[in-house]
Amino acid sequence: MISVVVVDDHQLFRQGIITLLNETDDIRVVGDAGEVSDAVRKIKGRKPDVVIMDITLGHDNGIRVAQQLRGDGLVFGLVIVTMQTDASFFTQAKEEASVDGYVLKLDAFEELVKAVRAVAMGRKFVSPSLAAELVWSRGAAAEGAHLTRREIQVIAMVAEGLSSQEIGRILGISRRTVETYRANLREKLGLASNAAVVRYAIKQGIAKL
């Protein structure tokens, strides 16, 4: 069973997340908090496998709180949940607090269970809608930057193993449109298969191993 502490200063959102997680068979919320001192006390006392925390906690900062806890020697997976869509906040969270997962609140009820499970297994997780922006930032400077923004988003998601239906849902386009992008990309880049697309994306820095 994956134990979780949820930290968010919006009570209704916090309660919704608790209900969502407790409805699963393998995740249990063992504590929740709406402000920093209570969060620190419960995380230290209950030693959860995963902490879900908002970046903004009243007048404080969830990244600073996570830094403090990890500096005290606590070991836990950290999933940041936030309204911030700016990739710079993701970079800050990753560099300063060794964040394991980053989920946008807009995606939380669809993505948070997957994020908790991934982080508990030692993997990283980024909200797909934010991942698309990060992909663009990485890919813009790559040799393959002659691709359009949308093409870079599609090729990165193909490299991540997402289906055309999943890519379409994330990007707000139809499955048929995604299939057209995939076919056009293979022709444009002279690639014969999905495996070749994956190798190209990794080589160009659009996706990572």
N, C-alpha and C. Protein backbone atom coordinates (compact mmCIF):
# COMPACT_ATOMS: atom_id res chain seq x y z
N MET A 1 0.84 -1.20 0.00
CA MET A 1 0.00 0.00 0.00
C MET A 1 0.88 1.25 0.00
N ILE A 2 0.58 2.18 -0.87
CA ILE A 2 1.35 3.43 -0.97
C ILE A 2 0.74 4.45 -0.02
N SER A 3 1.53 4.93 0.94
CA SER A 3 1.03 5.93 1.89
C SER A 3 1.34 7.33 1.38
N VAL A 4 0.37 8.23 1.57
CA VAL A 4 0.47 9.58 1.01
C VAL A 4 0.05 10.62 2.03
N VAL A 5 0.76 11.75 2.06
CA VAL A 5 0.31 12.95 2.77
C VAL A 5 0.03 14.02 1.73
N VAL A 6 -1.14 14.65 1.84
CA VAL A 6 -1.57 15.68 0.89
C VAL A 6 -1.49 17.04 1.55
N VAL A 7 -0.76 17.97 0.91
CA VAL A 7 -0.58 19.32 1.48
C VAL A 7 -1.04 20.35 0.45
N ASP A 8 -2.14 21.04 0.78
CA ASP A 8 -2.67 22.08 -0.11
C ASP A 8 -3.54 22.99 0.74
N ASP A 9 -3.42 24.30 0.54
CA ASP A 9 -4.16 25.23 1.39
C ASP A 9 -5.58 25.50 0.92
N HIS A 10 -6.02 24.83 -0.17
CA HIS A 10 -7.40 24.93 -0.62
C HIS A 10 -8.14 23.68 -0.15
N GLN A 11 -8.99 23.84 0.85
CA GLN A 11 -9.59 22.68 1.52
C GLN A 11 -10.42 21.81 0.58
N LEU A 12 -11.23 22.43 -0.28
CA LEU A 12 -12.08 21.63 -1.17
C LEU A 12 -11.26 20.82 -2.16
N PHE A 13 -10.21 21.43 -2.70
CA PHE A 13 -9.33 20.71 -3.62
C PHE A 13 -8.63 19.58 -2.88
N ARG A 14 -8.14 19.87 -1.69
CA ARG A 14 -7.44 18.86 -0.90
C ARG A 14 -8.35 17.68 -0.60
N GLN A 15 -9.59 17.96 -0.22
CA GLN A 15 -10.52 16.89 0.10
C GLN A 15 -10.86 16.07 -1.14
N GLY A 16 -10.96 16.74 -2.28
CA GLY A 16 -11.23 16.01 -3.52
C GLY A 16 -10.11 15.05 -3.86
N ILE A 17 -8.87 15.48 -3.66
CA ILE A 17 -7.71 14.62 -3.93
C ILE A 17 -7.68 13.44 -2.95
N ILE A 18 -7.99 13.71 -1.70
CA ILE A 18 -8.01 12.63 -0.70
C ILE A 18 -9.03 11.57 -1.09
N THR A 19 -10.22 12.02 -1.47
CA THR A 19 -11.27 11.08 -1.88
C THR A 19 -10.83 10.28 -3.10
N LEU A 20 -10.26 10.96 -4.09
CA LEU A 20 -9.78 10.29 -5.31
C LEU A 20 -8.78 9.20 -4.98
N LEU A 21 -7.78 9.51 -4.17
CA LEU A 21 -6.72 8.55 -3.86
C LEU A 21 -7.23 7.40 -3.02
N ASN A 22 -8.10 7.69 -2.05
CA ASN A 22 -8.60 6.64 -1.17
C ASN A 22 -9.57 5.69 -1.86
N GLU A 23 -10.04 6.05 -3.04
CA GLU A 23 -10.92 5.15 -3.80
C GLU A 23 -10.13 4.08 -4.55
N THR A 24 -8.80 4.21 -4.60
CA THR A 24 -7.97 3.19 -5.25
C THR A 24 -7.73 2.02 -4.30
N ASP A 25 -7.23 0.93 -4.86
CA ASP A 25 -6.95 -0.26 -4.04
C ASP A 25 -5.55 -0.26 -3.45
N ASP A 26 -4.66 0.63 -3.97
CA ASP A 26 -3.26 0.54 -3.57
C ASP A 26 -2.69 1.83 -2.98
N ILE A 27 -3.53 2.85 -2.78
CA ILE A 27 -3.07 4.13 -2.23
C ILE A 27 -3.94 4.52 -1.05
N ARG A 28 -3.31 4.98 0.04
CA ARG A 28 -4.06 5.48 1.18
C ARG A 28 -3.45 6.79 1.68
N VAL A 29 -4.32 7.77 1.90
CA VAL A 29 -3.88 9.04 2.46
C VAL A 29 -3.80 8.89 3.97
N VAL A 30 -2.60 9.10 4.51
CA VAL A 30 -2.38 8.91 5.95
C VAL A 30 -2.32 10.25 6.69
N GLY A 31 -2.46 11.34 5.96
CA GLY A 31 -2.46 12.65 6.59
C GLY A 31 -2.65 13.74 5.57
N ASP A 32 -3.16 14.88 6.02
CA ASP A 32 -3.29 16.03 5.14
C ASP A 32 -3.11 17.30 5.96
N ALA A 33 -2.74 18.37 5.24
CA ALA A 33 -2.48 19.64 5.92
C ALA A 33 -2.75 20.79 4.97
N GLY A 34 -3.11 21.94 5.56
CA GLY A 34 -3.36 23.12 4.76
C GLY A 34 -2.37 24.23 5.01
N GLU A 35 -1.47 24.01 5.96
CA GLU A 35 -0.44 25.03 6.21
C GLU A 35 0.87 24.35 6.62
N VAL A 36 1.94 25.13 6.60
CA VAL A 36 3.29 24.57 6.62
C VAL A 36 3.61 23.82 7.90
N SER A 37 3.36 24.40 9.07
CA SER A 37 3.78 23.75 10.32
C SER A 37 3.07 22.41 10.50
N ASP A 38 1.80 22.34 10.15
CA ASP A 38 1.05 21.09 10.25
C ASP A 38 1.58 20.07 9.25
N ALA A 39 1.94 20.55 8.06
CA ALA A 39 2.49 19.66 7.03
C ALA A 39 3.80 19.04 7.49
N VAL A 40 4.69 19.87 8.01
CA VAL A 40 5.99 19.37 8.47
C VAL A 40 5.79 18.34 9.57
N ARG A 41 4.91 18.63 10.51
CA ARG A 41 4.67 17.71 11.63
C ARG A 41 4.14 16.37 11.14
N LYS A 42 3.18 16.39 10.23
CA LYS A 42 2.57 15.15 9.79
C LYS A 42 3.51 14.34 8.89
N ILE A 43 4.27 15.01 8.06
CA ILE A 43 5.22 14.27 7.20
C ILE A 43 6.30 13.63 8.04
N LYS A 44 6.81 14.36 9.03
CA LYS A 44 7.83 13.79 9.91
C LYS A 44 7.27 12.65 10.75
N GLY A 45 6.04 12.79 11.20
CA GLY A 45 5.45 11.79 12.08
C GLY A 45 4.99 10.54 11.36
N ARG A 46 4.51 10.69 10.14
CA ARG A 46 3.89 9.55 9.46
C ARG A 46 4.76 8.96 8.36
N LYS A 47 5.82 9.65 8.00
CA LYS A 47 6.81 9.13 7.04
C LYS A 47 6.15 8.47 5.83
N PRO A 48 5.41 9.24 5.04
CA PRO A 48 4.71 8.67 3.89
C PRO A 48 5.67 8.28 2.77
N ASP A 49 5.19 7.40 1.90
CA ASP A 49 5.96 7.05 0.71
C ASP A 49 6.01 8.22 -0.27
N VAL A 50 4.89 8.94 -0.36
CA VAL A 50 4.77 10.05 -1.31
C VAL A 50 4.12 11.24 -0.62
N VAL A 51 4.65 12.43 -0.91
CA VAL A 51 4.03 13.68 -0.46
C VAL A 51 3.52 14.42 -1.69
N ILE A 52 2.26 14.82 -1.64
CA ILE A 52 1.67 15.68 -2.68
C ILE A 52 1.59 17.08 -2.11
N MET A 53 2.20 18.05 -2.79
CA MET A 53 2.28 19.39 -2.21
C MET A 53 2.10 20.47 -3.27
N ASP A 54 1.34 21.51 -2.91
CA ASP A 54 1.21 22.66 -3.78
C ASP A 54 2.48 23.51 -3.67
N ILE A 55 2.84 24.21 -4.76
CA ILE A 55 3.98 25.11 -4.69
C ILE A 55 3.68 26.28 -3.76
N THR A 56 2.46 26.82 -3.83
CA THR A 56 2.08 27.98 -3.02
C THR A 56 1.29 27.51 -1.81
N LEU A 57 1.82 27.79 -0.63
CA LEU A 57 1.16 27.42 0.63
C LEU A 57 0.99 28.68 1.47
N GLY A 58 -0.11 29.40 1.28
CA GLY A 58 -0.31 30.65 1.98
C GLY A 58 0.77 31.65 1.59
N HIS A 59 1.53 32.10 2.59
CA HIS A 59 2.63 33.02 2.33
C HIS A 59 3.96 32.28 2.18
N ASP A 60 3.91 30.96 2.19
CA ASP A 60 5.14 30.17 2.11
C ASP A 60 5.22 29.48 0.76
N ASN A 61 6.26 28.66 0.62
CA ASN A 61 6.57 28.03 -0.67
C ASN A 61 6.80 26.55 -0.46
N GLY A 62 6.04 25.73 -1.21
CA GLY A 62 6.16 24.29 -1.05
C GLY A 62 7.53 23.75 -1.40
N ILE A 63 8.21 24.40 -2.32
CA ILE A 63 9.56 23.97 -2.67
C ILE A 63 10.50 24.14 -1.49
N ARG A 64 10.38 25.29 -0.79
CA ARG A 64 11.22 25.51 0.39
C ARG A 64 10.93 24.49 1.48
N VAL A 65 9.66 24.18 1.68
CA VAL A 65 9.27 23.20 2.70
C VAL A 65 9.85 21.83 2.36
N ALA A 66 9.76 21.44 1.10
CA ALA A 66 10.31 20.15 0.68
C ALA A 66 11.82 20.11 0.87
N GLN A 67 12.50 21.21 0.54
CA GLN A 67 13.94 21.30 0.76
C GLN A 67 14.28 21.06 2.23
N GLN A 68 13.52 21.73 3.11
CA GLN A 68 13.76 21.60 4.55
C GLN A 68 13.59 20.16 5.01
N LEU A 69 12.52 19.52 4.57
CA LEU A 69 12.24 18.14 4.99
C LEU A 69 13.32 17.18 4.50
N ARG A 70 13.72 17.34 3.26
CA ARG A 70 14.74 16.45 2.73
C ARG A 70 16.10 16.75 3.35
N GLY A 71 16.31 18.02 3.70
CA GLY A 71 17.54 18.38 4.41
C GLY A 71 17.60 17.75 5.80
N ASP A 72 16.43 17.47 6.37
CA ASP A 72 16.36 16.81 7.68
C ASP A 72 16.51 15.29 7.57
N GLY A 73 16.69 14.81 6.34
CA GLY A 73 16.95 13.38 6.15
C GLY A 73 15.73 12.54 5.84
N LEU A 74 14.56 13.16 5.66
CA LEU A 74 13.38 12.38 5.33
C LEU A 74 13.43 11.92 3.88
N VAL A 75 13.00 10.69 3.65
CA VAL A 75 13.00 10.10 2.31
C VAL A 75 11.56 9.89 1.88
N PHE A 76 11.16 10.53 0.80
CA PHE A 76 9.81 10.38 0.27
C PHE A 76 9.80 10.83 -1.18
N GLY A 77 8.87 10.30 -1.95
CA GLY A 77 8.66 10.80 -3.29
C GLY A 77 7.85 12.09 -3.22
N LEU A 78 8.20 13.06 -4.02
CA LEU A 78 7.54 14.37 -3.96
C LEU A 78 6.83 14.67 -5.27
N VAL A 79 5.52 14.87 -5.18
CA VAL A 79 4.71 15.29 -6.33
C VAL A 79 4.20 16.70 -6.06
N ILE A 80 4.61 17.63 -6.90
CA ILE A 80 4.13 19.00 -6.82
C ILE A 80 2.85 19.12 -7.64
N VAL A 81 1.82 19.74 -7.05
CA VAL A 81 0.58 20.01 -7.75
C VAL A 81 0.37 21.52 -7.76
N THR A 82 0.16 22.08 -8.93
CA THR A 82 0.14 23.54 -9.02
C THR A 82 -0.68 24.04 -10.20
N MET A 83 -1.06 25.32 -10.14
CA MET A 83 -1.69 25.98 -11.27
C MET A 83 -0.65 26.55 -12.22
N GLN A 84 0.62 26.58 -11.79
CA GLN A 84 1.68 27.20 -12.59
C GLN A 84 1.98 26.36 -13.84
N THR A 85 1.82 26.99 -15.00
CA THR A 85 2.12 26.30 -16.26
C THR A 85 3.45 26.73 -16.86
N ASP A 86 4.11 27.70 -16.23
CA ASP A 86 5.40 28.18 -16.74
C ASP A 86 6.47 27.12 -16.48
N ALA A 87 7.17 26.72 -17.53
CA ALA A 87 8.20 25.68 -17.40
C ALA A 87 9.29 26.06 -16.41
N SER A 88 9.48 27.37 -16.15
CA SER A 88 10.52 27.81 -15.22
C SER A 88 10.22 27.32 -13.80
N PHE A 89 8.94 27.22 -13.45
CA PHE A 89 8.58 26.71 -12.12
C PHE A 89 8.93 25.23 -12.01
N PHE A 90 8.72 24.48 -13.10
CA PHE A 90 9.10 23.07 -13.11
C PHE A 90 10.61 22.93 -12.90
N THR A 91 11.38 23.76 -13.61
CA THR A 91 12.84 23.71 -13.49
C THR A 91 13.28 24.03 -12.07
N GLN A 92 12.67 25.06 -11.47
CA GLN A 92 13.00 25.42 -10.10
C GLN A 92 12.69 24.29 -9.14
N ALA A 93 11.50 23.70 -9.29
CA ALA A 93 11.11 22.61 -8.40
C ALA A 93 12.05 21.42 -8.54
N LYS A 94 12.44 21.10 -9.75
CA LYS A 94 13.33 19.97 -10.00
C LYS A 94 14.71 20.21 -9.41
N GLU A 95 15.25 21.41 -9.61
CA GLU A 95 16.62 21.71 -9.19
C GLU A 95 16.73 21.95 -7.69
N GLU A 96 15.74 22.61 -7.10
CA GLU A 96 15.85 23.02 -5.70
C GLU A 96 15.29 21.99 -4.73
N ALA A 97 14.31 21.20 -5.16
CA ALA A 97 13.67 20.27 -4.23
C ALA A 97 13.67 18.83 -4.72
N SER A 98 14.39 18.56 -5.81
CA SER A 98 14.46 17.20 -6.36
C SER A 98 13.07 16.60 -6.53
N VAL A 99 12.18 17.37 -7.15
CA VAL A 99 10.80 16.92 -7.34
C VAL A 99 10.76 15.69 -8.25
N ASP A 100 9.92 14.73 -7.88
CA ASP A 100 9.79 13.50 -8.65
C ASP A 100 8.62 13.56 -9.62
N GLY A 101 7.60 14.33 -9.28
CA GLY A 101 6.42 14.45 -10.14
C GLY A 101 5.90 15.87 -10.13
N TYR A 102 5.38 16.30 -11.26
CA TYR A 102 4.86 17.66 -11.40
C TYR A 102 3.53 17.56 -12.15
N VAL A 103 2.43 17.86 -11.43
CA VAL A 103 1.09 17.71 -11.99
C VAL A 103 0.38 19.05 -11.94
N LEU A 104 -0.18 19.46 -13.06
CA LEU A 104 -0.98 20.68 -13.09
C LEU A 104 -2.34 20.42 -12.43
N LYS A 105 -2.84 21.39 -11.68
CA LYS A 105 -4.13 21.20 -11.02
C LYS A 105 -5.24 20.93 -12.03
N LEU A 106 -5.10 21.50 -13.21
CA LEU A 106 -6.10 21.27 -14.25
C LEU A 106 -6.16 19.81 -14.65
N ASP A 107 -5.05 19.09 -14.46
CA ASP A 107 -4.96 17.67 -14.84
C ASP A 107 -5.09 16.74 -13.65
N ALA A 108 -5.18 17.30 -12.44
CA ALA A 108 -4.96 16.50 -11.23
C ALA A 108 -5.87 15.29 -11.13
N PHE A 109 -7.15 15.46 -11.40
CA PHE A 109 -8.08 14.35 -11.19
C PHE A 109 -7.93 13.26 -12.25
N GLU A 110 -7.25 13.57 -13.34
CA GLU A 110 -6.96 12.56 -14.36
C GLU A 110 -5.58 11.94 -14.19
N GLU A 111 -4.63 12.71 -13.67
CA GLU A 111 -3.23 12.30 -13.70
C GLU A 111 -2.62 11.95 -12.35
N LEU A 112 -3.25 12.36 -11.25
CA LEU A 112 -2.56 12.26 -9.96
C LEU A 112 -2.37 10.83 -9.49
N VAL A 113 -3.32 9.97 -9.74
CA VAL A 113 -3.15 8.56 -9.35
C VAL A 113 -1.97 7.96 -10.09
N LYS A 114 -1.87 8.23 -11.38
CA LYS A 114 -0.73 7.72 -12.17
C LYS A 114 0.58 8.30 -11.64
N ALA A 115 0.56 9.58 -11.27
CA ALA A 115 1.78 10.22 -10.76
C ALA A 115 2.24 9.58 -9.46
N VAL A 116 1.31 9.35 -8.55
CA VAL A 116 1.65 8.74 -7.25
C VAL A 116 2.23 7.34 -7.46
N ARG A 117 1.60 6.56 -8.31
CA ARG A 117 2.10 5.19 -8.55
C ARG A 117 3.48 5.21 -9.19
N ALA A 118 3.68 6.10 -10.15
CA ALA A 118 4.98 6.18 -10.82
C ALA A 118 6.07 6.59 -9.84
N VAL A 119 5.82 7.61 -9.05
CA VAL A 119 6.82 8.12 -8.11
C VAL A 119 7.12 7.09 -7.03
N ALA A 120 6.10 6.38 -6.56
CA ALA A 120 6.31 5.35 -5.54
C ALA A 120 7.21 4.23 -6.06
N MET A 121 7.24 4.03 -7.39
CA MET A 121 8.08 3.00 -8.00
C MET A 121 9.46 3.55 -8.39
N GLY A 122 9.71 4.81 -8.03
CA GLY A 122 11.02 5.38 -8.32
C GLY A 122 11.14 6.03 -9.67
N ARG A 123 10.00 6.20 -10.37
CA ARG A 123 10.02 6.84 -11.68
C ARG A 123 9.65 8.32 -11.56
N LYS A 124 9.84 9.06 -12.64
CA LYS A 124 9.47 10.46 -12.70
C LYS A 124 8.15 10.61 -13.45
N PHE A 125 7.43 11.69 -13.14
CA PHE A 125 6.15 11.92 -13.82
C PHE A 125 5.96 13.41 -14.02
N VAL A 126 5.58 13.80 -15.25
CA VAL A 126 5.26 15.19 -15.56
C VAL A 126 3.91 15.22 -16.26
N SER A 127 3.04 16.14 -15.83
CA SER A 127 1.74 16.32 -16.47
C SER A 127 1.91 16.41 -17.98
N PRO A 128 1.19 15.60 -18.75
CA PRO A 128 1.37 15.62 -20.21
C PRO A 128 1.22 17.00 -20.83
N SER A 129 0.29 17.82 -20.33
CA SER A 129 0.11 19.14 -20.93
C SER A 129 1.31 20.04 -20.68
N LEU A 130 1.98 19.88 -19.54
CA LEU A 130 3.21 20.63 -19.30
C LEU A 130 4.36 20.01 -20.09
N ALA A 131 4.35 18.70 -20.20
CA ALA A 131 5.43 18.02 -20.93
C ALA A 131 5.51 18.54 -22.36
N ALA A 132 4.36 18.85 -22.95
CA ALA A 132 4.36 19.37 -24.32
C ALA A 132 5.13 20.68 -24.41
N GLU A 133 4.96 21.54 -23.39
CA GLU A 133 5.69 22.82 -23.39
C GLU A 133 7.18 22.60 -23.16
N LEU A 134 7.51 21.66 -22.27
CA LEU A 134 8.93 21.38 -22.01
C LEU A 134 9.60 20.79 -23.24
N VAL A 135 8.86 19.95 -23.94
CA VAL A 135 9.38 19.37 -25.18
C VAL A 135 9.73 20.47 -26.17
N TRP A 136 8.84 21.46 -26.29
CA TRP A 136 9.09 22.57 -27.22
C TRP A 136 10.36 23.32 -26.80
N SER A 137 10.52 23.57 -25.50
CA SER A 137 11.69 24.29 -25.01
C SER A 137 12.97 23.54 -25.32
N ARG A 138 12.95 22.19 -25.14
CA ARG A 138 14.14 21.39 -25.43
C ARG A 138 14.39 21.30 -26.91
N GLY A 139 13.30 21.11 -27.67
CA GLY A 139 13.45 20.84 -29.08
C GLY A 139 13.78 22.06 -29.91
N ALA A 140 13.46 23.26 -29.41
CA ALA A 140 13.65 24.46 -30.22
C ALA A 140 15.11 24.69 -30.58
N ALA A 141 16.01 24.25 -29.70
CA ALA A 141 17.43 24.48 -29.95
C ALA A 141 18.11 23.28 -30.61
N ALA A 142 17.33 22.23 -30.83
CA ALA A 142 17.91 21.02 -31.39
C ALA A 142 18.11 21.16 -32.89
N GLU A 143 18.89 20.25 -33.44
CA GLU A 143 19.13 20.23 -34.88
C GLU A 143 17.82 20.08 -35.63
N GLY A 144 16.86 19.41 -34.98
CA GLY A 144 15.56 19.18 -35.62
C GLY A 144 14.60 20.32 -35.45
N ALA A 145 15.07 21.53 -35.16
CA ALA A 145 14.19 22.66 -34.89
C ALA A 145 13.44 23.15 -36.12
N HIS A 146 13.70 22.57 -37.31
CA HIS A 146 12.91 22.93 -38.48
C HIS A 146 11.51 22.34 -38.38
N LEU A 147 11.28 21.48 -37.41
CA LEU A 147 9.95 20.97 -37.17
C LEU A 147 9.10 22.06 -36.51
N THR A 148 7.81 22.04 -36.77
CA THR A 148 6.92 22.99 -36.11
C THR A 148 6.75 22.60 -34.65
N ARG A 149 6.20 23.53 -33.87
CA ARG A 149 5.95 23.24 -32.45
C ARG A 149 5.05 22.01 -32.30
N ARG A 150 3.98 21.94 -33.07
CA ARG A 150 3.06 20.81 -32.97
C ARG A 150 3.75 19.51 -33.37
N GLU A 151 4.59 19.55 -34.39
CA GLU A 151 5.30 18.35 -34.81
C GLU A 151 6.24 17.86 -33.72
N ILE A 152 6.91 18.79 -33.05
CA ILE A 152 7.81 18.42 -31.96
C ILE A 152 7.01 17.79 -30.82
N GLN A 153 5.84 18.35 -30.51
CA GLN A 153 5.01 17.77 -29.46
C GLN A 153 4.60 16.35 -29.82
N VAL A 154 4.18 16.15 -31.05
CA VAL A 154 3.72 14.82 -31.48
C VAL A 154 4.87 13.82 -31.47
N ILE A 155 6.01 14.21 -32.00
CA ILE A 155 7.12 13.26 -32.08
C ILE A 155 7.61 12.88 -30.69
N ALA A 156 7.58 13.81 -29.76
CA ALA A 156 8.01 13.51 -28.40
C ALA A 156 7.05 12.53 -27.73
N MET A 157 5.78 12.72 -27.96
CA MET A 157 4.80 11.83 -27.34
C MET A 157 4.81 10.44 -27.98
N VAL A 158 5.08 10.38 -29.28
CA VAL A 158 5.29 9.08 -29.92
C VAL A 158 6.47 8.37 -29.28
N ALA A 159 7.54 9.12 -29.04
CA ALA A 159 8.74 8.55 -28.42
C ALA A 159 8.48 8.07 -27.00
N GLU A 160 7.49 8.70 -26.33
CA GLU A 160 7.13 8.27 -24.98
C GLU A 160 6.22 7.05 -24.99
N GLY A 161 5.80 6.63 -26.19
CA GLY A 161 4.97 5.43 -26.29
C GLY A 161 3.48 5.69 -26.21
N LEU A 162 3.06 6.96 -26.30
CA LEU A 162 1.64 7.27 -26.23
C LEU A 162 0.95 6.88 -27.53
N SER A 163 -0.28 6.45 -27.42
CA SER A 163 -1.07 6.10 -28.60
C SER A 163 -1.58 7.38 -29.28
N SER A 164 -2.07 7.23 -30.51
CA SER A 164 -2.63 8.39 -31.22
C SER A 164 -3.83 8.96 -30.47
N GLN A 165 -4.62 8.09 -29.86
CA GLN A 165 -5.78 8.56 -29.10
C GLN A 165 -5.34 9.37 -27.89
N GLU A 166 -4.31 8.89 -27.17
CA GLU A 166 -3.81 9.61 -26.00
C GLU A 166 -3.20 10.95 -26.39
N ILE A 167 -2.44 10.97 -27.47
CA ILE A 167 -1.83 12.21 -27.95
C ILE A 167 -2.92 13.21 -28.33
N GLY A 168 -3.94 12.73 -29.02
CA GLY A 168 -5.03 13.60 -29.42
C GLY A 168 -5.75 14.21 -28.23
N ARG A 169 -5.95 13.41 -27.18
CA ARG A 169 -6.61 13.94 -25.97
C ARG A 169 -5.79 15.04 -25.33
N ILE A 170 -4.49 14.83 -25.23
CA ILE A 170 -3.61 15.82 -24.60
C ILE A 170 -3.55 17.11 -25.41
N LEU A 171 -3.48 16.98 -26.73
CA LEU A 171 -3.31 18.15 -27.58
C LEU A 171 -4.64 18.75 -28.04
N GLY A 172 -5.74 18.08 -27.74
CA GLY A 172 -7.04 18.61 -28.13
C GLY A 172 -7.33 18.49 -29.61
N ILE A 173 -6.81 17.43 -30.22
CA ILE A 173 -7.05 17.19 -31.65
C ILE A 173 -7.55 15.75 -31.81
N SER A 174 -8.07 15.43 -32.98
CA SER A 174 -8.64 14.09 -33.19
C SER A 174 -7.54 13.04 -33.40
N ARG A 175 -7.92 11.78 -33.17
CA ARG A 175 -6.98 10.68 -33.40
C ARG A 175 -6.54 10.66 -34.86
N ARG A 176 -7.48 10.93 -35.77
CA ARG A 176 -7.17 10.92 -37.19
C ARG A 176 -6.13 12.00 -37.53
N THR A 177 -6.26 13.17 -36.90
CA THR A 177 -5.28 14.25 -37.12
C THR A 177 -3.90 13.84 -36.63
N VAL A 178 -3.86 13.16 -35.49
CA VAL A 178 -2.58 12.67 -34.97
C VAL A 178 -1.96 11.68 -35.94
N GLU A 179 -2.77 10.77 -36.45
CA GLU A 179 -2.26 9.79 -37.42
C GLU A 179 -1.68 10.49 -38.65
N THR A 180 -2.32 11.58 -39.07
CA THR A 180 -1.80 12.34 -40.22
C THR A 180 -0.46 12.96 -39.87
N TYR A 181 -0.35 13.53 -38.67
CA TYR A 181 0.93 14.09 -38.23
C TYR A 181 2.01 13.02 -38.23
N ARG A 182 1.68 11.85 -37.73
CA ARG A 182 2.68 10.78 -37.64
C ARG A 182 3.16 10.36 -39.02
N ALA A 183 2.22 10.21 -39.94
CA ALA A 183 2.59 9.83 -41.30
C ALA A 183 3.44 10.91 -41.97
N ASN A 184 3.03 12.17 -41.79
CA ASN A 184 3.77 13.28 -42.40
C ASN A 184 5.17 13.41 -41.81
N LEU A 185 5.30 13.16 -40.49
CA LEU A 185 6.61 13.23 -39.84
C LEU A 185 7.54 12.15 -40.38
N ARG A 186 7.03 10.94 -40.53
CA ARG A 186 7.88 9.87 -41.04
C ARG A 186 8.36 10.20 -42.45
N GLU A 187 7.46 10.75 -43.25
CA GLU A 187 7.84 11.12 -44.62
C GLU A 187 8.82 12.29 -44.63
N LYS A 188 8.55 13.30 -43.81
CA LYS A 188 9.38 14.50 -43.76
C LYS A 188 10.80 14.18 -43.30
N LEU A 189 10.91 13.26 -42.33
CA LEU A 189 12.21 12.93 -41.75
C LEU A 189 12.85 11.69 -42.38
N GLY A 190 12.12 11.04 -43.29
CA GLY A 190 12.66 9.85 -43.93
C GLY A 190 12.79 8.68 -42.98
N LEU A 191 11.81 8.54 -42.08
CA LEU A 191 11.85 7.48 -41.07
C LEU A 191 10.78 6.44 -41.41
N ALA A 192 11.15 5.17 -41.27
CA ALA A 192 10.26 4.10 -41.73
C ALA A 192 9.40 3.51 -40.64
N SER A 193 9.72 3.77 -39.37
CA SER A 193 9.01 3.08 -38.29
C SER A 193 8.96 3.94 -37.03
N ASN A 194 8.13 3.52 -36.07
CA ASN A 194 8.07 4.20 -34.78
C ASN A 194 9.40 4.11 -34.04
N ALA A 195 10.08 2.97 -34.19
CA ALA A 195 11.39 2.81 -33.53
C ALA A 195 12.37 3.86 -34.05
N ALA A 196 12.32 4.14 -35.35
CA ALA A 196 13.18 5.16 -35.93
C ALA A 196 12.81 6.54 -35.41
N VAL A 197 11.52 6.77 -35.21
CA VAL A 197 11.06 8.05 -34.65
C VAL A 197 11.61 8.24 -33.24
N VAL A 198 11.57 7.18 -32.44
CA VAL A 198 12.10 7.24 -31.08
C VAL A 198 13.59 7.56 -31.09
N ARG A 199 14.34 6.88 -31.95
CA ARG A 199 15.79 7.13 -32.03
C ARG A 199 16.07 8.58 -32.45
N TYR A 200 15.30 9.08 -33.41
CA TYR A 200 15.47 10.46 -33.86
C TYR A 200 15.18 11.43 -32.72
N ALA A 201 14.09 11.21 -31.98
CA ALA A 201 13.71 12.12 -30.90
C ALA A 201 14.77 12.17 -29.81
N ILE A 202 15.35 11.02 -29.50
CA ILE A 202 16.40 10.98 -28.48
C ILE A 202 17.66 11.68 -28.98
N LYS A 203 18.05 11.42 -30.21
CA LYS A 203 19.24 12.02 -30.78
C LYS A 203 19.16 13.54 -30.82
N GLN A 204 17.97 14.06 -31.13
CA GLN A 204 17.79 15.50 -31.24
C GLN A 204 17.52 16.19 -29.90
N GLY A 205 17.43 15.42 -28.82
CA GLY A 205 17.16 16.03 -27.52
C GLY A 205 15.69 16.33 -27.29
N ILE A 206 14.83 15.85 -28.19
CA ILE A 206 13.39 16.08 -28.05
C ILE A 206 12.80 15.14 -27.01
N ALA A 207 13.38 13.97 -26.87
CA ALA A 207 12.97 13.01 -25.84
C ALA A 207 14.24 12.49 -25.18
N LYS A 208 14.07 11.85 -24.03
CA LYS A 208 15.19 11.32 -23.28
C LYS A 208 15.06 9.83 -23.09
N LEU A 209 16.20 9.17 -22.88
CA LEU A 209 16.19 7.74 -22.61
C LEU A 209 15.50 7.44 -21.30
